[in-house]
Amino acid sequence: MSQTVSKAKTIAILGAFTALIAAISFLPIKTMGLEITLSMVPVAVGAICFGPAAGAYLGGVFGLVSFLQCFGWSAFGAVLLNINPWLTLLVCLPTRVLAGWLCGLIFRGFSKLQKGRAVGYPVASLAAALLNTVFFMTTLILCFYNTEYIQGFVTALGAANPFIFVVLFVGINGLVELIAGAVLAAPCAVAVNKALSRLHA
């Protein structure tokens, strides 16, 4: 297979991932009082299968969609946007770009170890979901913690400090999202890589 054809197929697949991220972002899973977003799953799969640059790109797509949702779709995001649109963009976009990029680097690092590739799939998948939450919440704290809006949540949750606030704010919803994302991303990445190997054979 020529390099041009291979690149064209990669672009086409990343285009499909882009559409998938946009669709998933607007279709959260609502069950047992929880709202679970799995937008990091295609980001993780893309990062694992196509490398850190693809992970950063797909993370950027997720971040951009997340920012656009602040214009009426997300009540929480809309309030942040009203407080400071530039800081809201900072919370939404670079956090996801960095999470996707690091996911790709983590998998690449494990792939260089003997039999590390098998371990790399679940580790990188878990890392993608975890890093997304950590970066998002850390930036949210740095940019908005002292605002009246976030302090309202702090008071309601009875959080004594920013760390306790993050734990309580993310809560069970974040934990379920983390586990679900990691469980789904690893086997999907394995399947995509197997399919890619057949295409390149």
Protein backbone atom coordinates (compact mmCIF):
# COMPACT_ATOMS: atom_id res chain seq x y z
CA MET A 1 0.00 0.00 0.00
CA SER A 2 1.42 3.37 -1.00
CA GLN A 3 2.06 6.04 1.60
CA THR A 4 -0.47 8.34 -0.09
CA VAL A 5 -3.25 5.74 0.07
CA SER A 6 -2.36 4.90 3.69
CA LYS A 7 -2.49 8.60 4.63
CA ALA A 8 -5.83 9.00 2.87
CA LYS A 9 -7.29 6.08 4.84
CA THR A 10 -5.97 7.51 8.10
CA ILE A 11 -7.57 10.88 7.34
CA ALA A 12 -10.85 9.16 6.47
CA ILE A 13 -10.84 7.16 9.72
CA LEU A 14 -9.99 10.24 11.80
CA GLY A 15 -12.84 12.03 10.01
CA ALA A 16 -15.20 9.26 11.13
CA PHE A 17 -13.84 9.57 14.68
CA THR A 18 -14.45 13.32 14.53
CA ALA A 19 -18.11 12.78 13.65
CA LEU A 20 -18.41 10.12 16.36
CA ILE A 21 -17.06 12.46 19.03
CA ALA A 22 -19.53 15.17 18.01
CA ALA A 23 -22.43 12.70 18.11
CA ILE A 24 -21.48 11.13 21.45
CA SER A 25 -21.00 14.55 23.06
CA PHE A 26 -24.63 15.40 22.40
CA LEU A 27 -25.95 11.97 23.41
CA PRO A 28 -24.96 11.37 27.04
CA ILE A 29 -26.10 8.13 28.67
CA LYS A 30 -28.64 8.84 31.42
CA THR A 31 -29.20 6.03 33.90
CA MET A 32 -29.78 5.67 37.66
CA GLY A 33 -29.60 9.43 38.06
CA LEU A 34 -26.21 9.62 36.36
CA GLU A 35 -25.24 11.36 33.13
CA ILE A 36 -22.27 9.60 31.55
CA THR A 37 -20.33 11.14 28.66
CA LEU A 38 -18.09 8.80 26.67
CA SER A 39 -16.50 11.35 24.35
CA MET A 40 -13.02 10.38 25.52
CA VAL A 41 -13.47 6.83 24.17
CA PRO A 42 -12.90 7.71 20.48
CA VAL A 43 -10.16 10.13 21.56
CA ALA A 44 -8.37 7.30 23.38
CA VAL A 45 -8.88 4.84 20.52
CA GLY A 46 -7.53 7.35 18.01
CA ALA A 47 -4.54 8.17 20.21
CA ILE A 48 -3.69 4.49 20.69
CA CYS A 49 -4.12 3.51 17.03
CA PHE A 50 -2.71 6.58 15.29
CA GLY A 51 -0.36 8.16 17.83
CA PRO A 52 -0.08 11.26 20.05
CA ALA A 53 -0.74 13.78 17.25
CA ALA A 54 -4.03 12.08 16.39
CA GLY A 55 -4.88 11.96 20.09
CA ALA A 56 -4.23 15.68 20.41
CA TYR A 57 -6.36 16.41 17.33
CA LEU A 58 -9.29 14.28 18.52
CA GLY A 59 -8.95 15.72 22.01
CA GLY A 60 -9.16 19.14 20.39
CA VAL A 61 -12.36 18.12 18.61
CA PHE A 62 -13.85 16.99 21.92
CA GLY A 63 -12.73 20.21 23.60
CA LEU A 64 -14.14 22.40 20.83
CA VAL A 65 -17.49 20.60 20.91
CA SER A 66 -17.51 20.94 24.69
CA PHE A 67 -16.89 24.68 24.37
CA LEU A 68 -19.63 25.07 21.76
CA GLN A 69 -22.04 23.34 24.13
CA CYS A 70 -21.57 26.26 26.50
CA PHE A 71 -23.64 28.34 24.08
CA GLY A 72 -26.98 27.07 25.38
CA TRP A 73 -26.64 23.27 25.47
CA SER A 74 -24.86 23.00 28.83
CA ALA A 75 -26.31 25.05 31.68
CA PHE A 76 -23.09 24.72 33.67
CA GLY A 77 -20.95 25.75 30.72
CA ALA A 78 -23.25 28.64 29.85
CA VAL A 79 -22.72 30.18 33.29
CA LEU A 80 -18.94 29.79 33.00
CA LEU A 81 -19.07 31.35 29.53
CA ASN A 82 -20.98 34.32 30.92
CA ILE A 83 -18.39 34.78 33.67
CA ASN A 84 -15.37 34.63 31.36
CA PRO A 85 -15.47 33.13 27.83
CA TRP A 86 -11.66 32.96 27.45
CA LEU A 87 -11.20 31.06 30.70
CA THR A 88 -14.08 28.77 29.71
CA LEU A 89 -12.25 28.00 26.46
CA LEU A 90 -9.11 27.29 28.50
CA VAL A 91 -11.05 24.83 30.66
CA CYS A 92 -12.61 23.04 27.69
CA LEU A 93 -10.03 22.92 24.91
CA PRO A 94 -6.34 22.54 25.92
CA THR A 95 -7.24 20.13 28.72
CA ARG A 96 -8.68 17.65 26.21
CA VAL A 97 -5.87 18.21 23.70
CA LEU A 98 -3.29 17.40 26.39
CA ALA A 99 -5.21 14.33 27.60
CA GLY A 100 -5.41 12.91 24.07
CA TRP A 101 -1.75 13.64 23.34
CA LEU A 102 -0.51 12.04 26.57
CA CYS A 103 -2.70 8.98 25.99
CA GLY A 104 -0.91 8.43 22.68
CA LEU A 105 2.50 8.91 24.31
CA ILE A 106 1.67 6.46 27.09
CA PHE A 107 0.64 3.76 24.65
CA ARG A 108 3.68 4.40 22.48
CA GLY A 109 5.91 4.06 25.54
CA PHE A 110 4.38 0.72 26.53
CA SER A 111 4.59 -0.52 22.91
CA LYS A 112 8.38 -0.20 23.05
CA LEU A 113 8.57 -2.65 25.97
CA GLN A 114 8.63 -6.43 25.50
CA LYS A 115 4.99 -7.59 25.62
CA GLY A 116 4.13 -4.10 26.79
CA ARG A 117 1.64 -3.52 24.00
CA ALA A 118 -0.98 -5.76 25.65
CA VAL A 119 -0.65 -3.81 28.90
CA GLY A 120 -0.56 -0.51 27.03
CA TYR A 121 -4.15 -0.82 25.79
CA PRO A 122 -5.91 -0.78 29.19
CA VAL A 123 -3.35 1.55 30.79
CA ALA A 124 -3.58 4.17 28.03
CA SER A 125 -7.39 3.87 27.95
CA LEU A 126 -7.63 4.42 31.69
CA ALA A 127 -5.10 7.25 31.51
CA ALA A 128 -7.13 9.06 28.84
CA ALA A 129 -10.27 9.10 30.98
CA LEU A 130 -8.36 9.94 34.16
CA LEU A 131 -6.25 12.70 32.62
CA ASN A 132 -9.32 14.28 31.04
CA THR A 133 -10.99 14.53 34.46
CA VAL A 134 -7.84 15.68 36.26
CA PHE A 135 -6.93 18.37 33.70
CA PHE A 136 -10.50 19.63 33.37
CA MET A 137 -11.13 19.89 37.11
CA THR A 138 -7.69 21.35 37.85
CA THR A 139 -8.18 24.08 35.26
CA LEU A 140 -11.73 24.69 36.47
CA ILE A 141 -10.40 25.18 40.02
CA LEU A 142 -7.61 27.50 38.88
CA CYS A 143 -9.89 29.62 36.72
CA PHE A 144 -13.23 29.66 38.51
CA TYR A 145 -12.93 28.36 42.09
CA ASN A 146 -13.21 31.80 43.67
CA THR A 147 -16.22 32.84 41.59
CA GLU A 148 -19.61 33.14 43.28
CA TYR A 149 -21.00 30.40 41.03
CA ILE A 150 -18.48 27.70 41.98
CA GLN A 151 -18.48 28.81 45.60
CA GLY A 152 -22.20 28.07 45.57
CA PHE A 153 -21.37 24.44 44.77
CA VAL A 154 -18.62 24.45 47.39
CA THR A 155 -21.08 25.57 50.05
CA ALA A 156 -23.80 23.16 48.95
CA LEU A 157 -21.38 20.23 49.00
CA GLY A 158 -19.79 21.31 52.27
CA ALA A 159 -16.31 21.10 50.76
CA ALA A 160 -13.56 22.28 53.10
CA ASN A 161 -10.98 22.81 50.34
CA PRO A 162 -10.58 22.55 46.53
CA PHE A 163 -9.49 18.89 46.66
CA ILE A 164 -12.57 17.84 48.63
CA PHE A 165 -14.70 19.90 46.25
CA VAL A 166 -13.30 18.02 43.23
CA VAL A 167 -13.92 14.62 44.87
CA LEU A 168 -17.49 15.52 45.81
CA PHE A 169 -18.25 17.34 42.55
CA VAL A 170 -16.98 14.54 40.31
CA GLY A 171 -18.42 11.88 42.61
CA ILE A 172 -19.91 8.60 41.46
CA ASN A 173 -20.75 10.03 38.05
CA GLY A 174 -17.09 10.69 37.30
CA LEU A 175 -16.02 7.29 38.63
CA VAL A 176 -18.56 5.45 36.46
CA GLU A 177 -17.52 7.55 33.45
CA LEU A 178 -13.86 6.75 34.14
CA ILE A 179 -14.42 2.98 34.39
CA ALA A 180 -16.85 2.84 31.44
CA GLY A 181 -14.49 4.83 29.24
CA ALA A 182 -11.50 2.66 30.09
CA VAL A 183 -13.42 -0.61 29.65
CA LEU A 184 -14.78 0.43 26.25
CA ALA A 185 -11.70 2.12 24.79
CA ALA A 186 -9.20 -0.75 25.21
CA PRO A 187 -11.10 -3.46 23.28
CA CYS A 188 -12.16 -0.93 20.64
CA ALA A 189 -8.53 0.07 20.12
CA VAL A 190 -7.47 -3.57 19.84
CA ALA A 191 -10.18 -4.19 17.22
CA VAL A 192 -9.27 -1.07 15.22
CA ASN A 193 -5.57 -1.96 15.24
CA LYS A 194 -6.33 -5.49 14.02
CA ALA A 195 -8.48 -4.06 11.22
CA LEU A 196 -5.70 -1.63 10.29
CA SER A 197 -3.17 -4.48 10.20
CA ARG A 198 -5.36 -6.33 7.69
CA LEU A 199 -5.71 -3.19 5.56
CA HIS A 200 -1.94 -2.68 5.48
CA ALA A 201 -1.20 -6.35 4.78
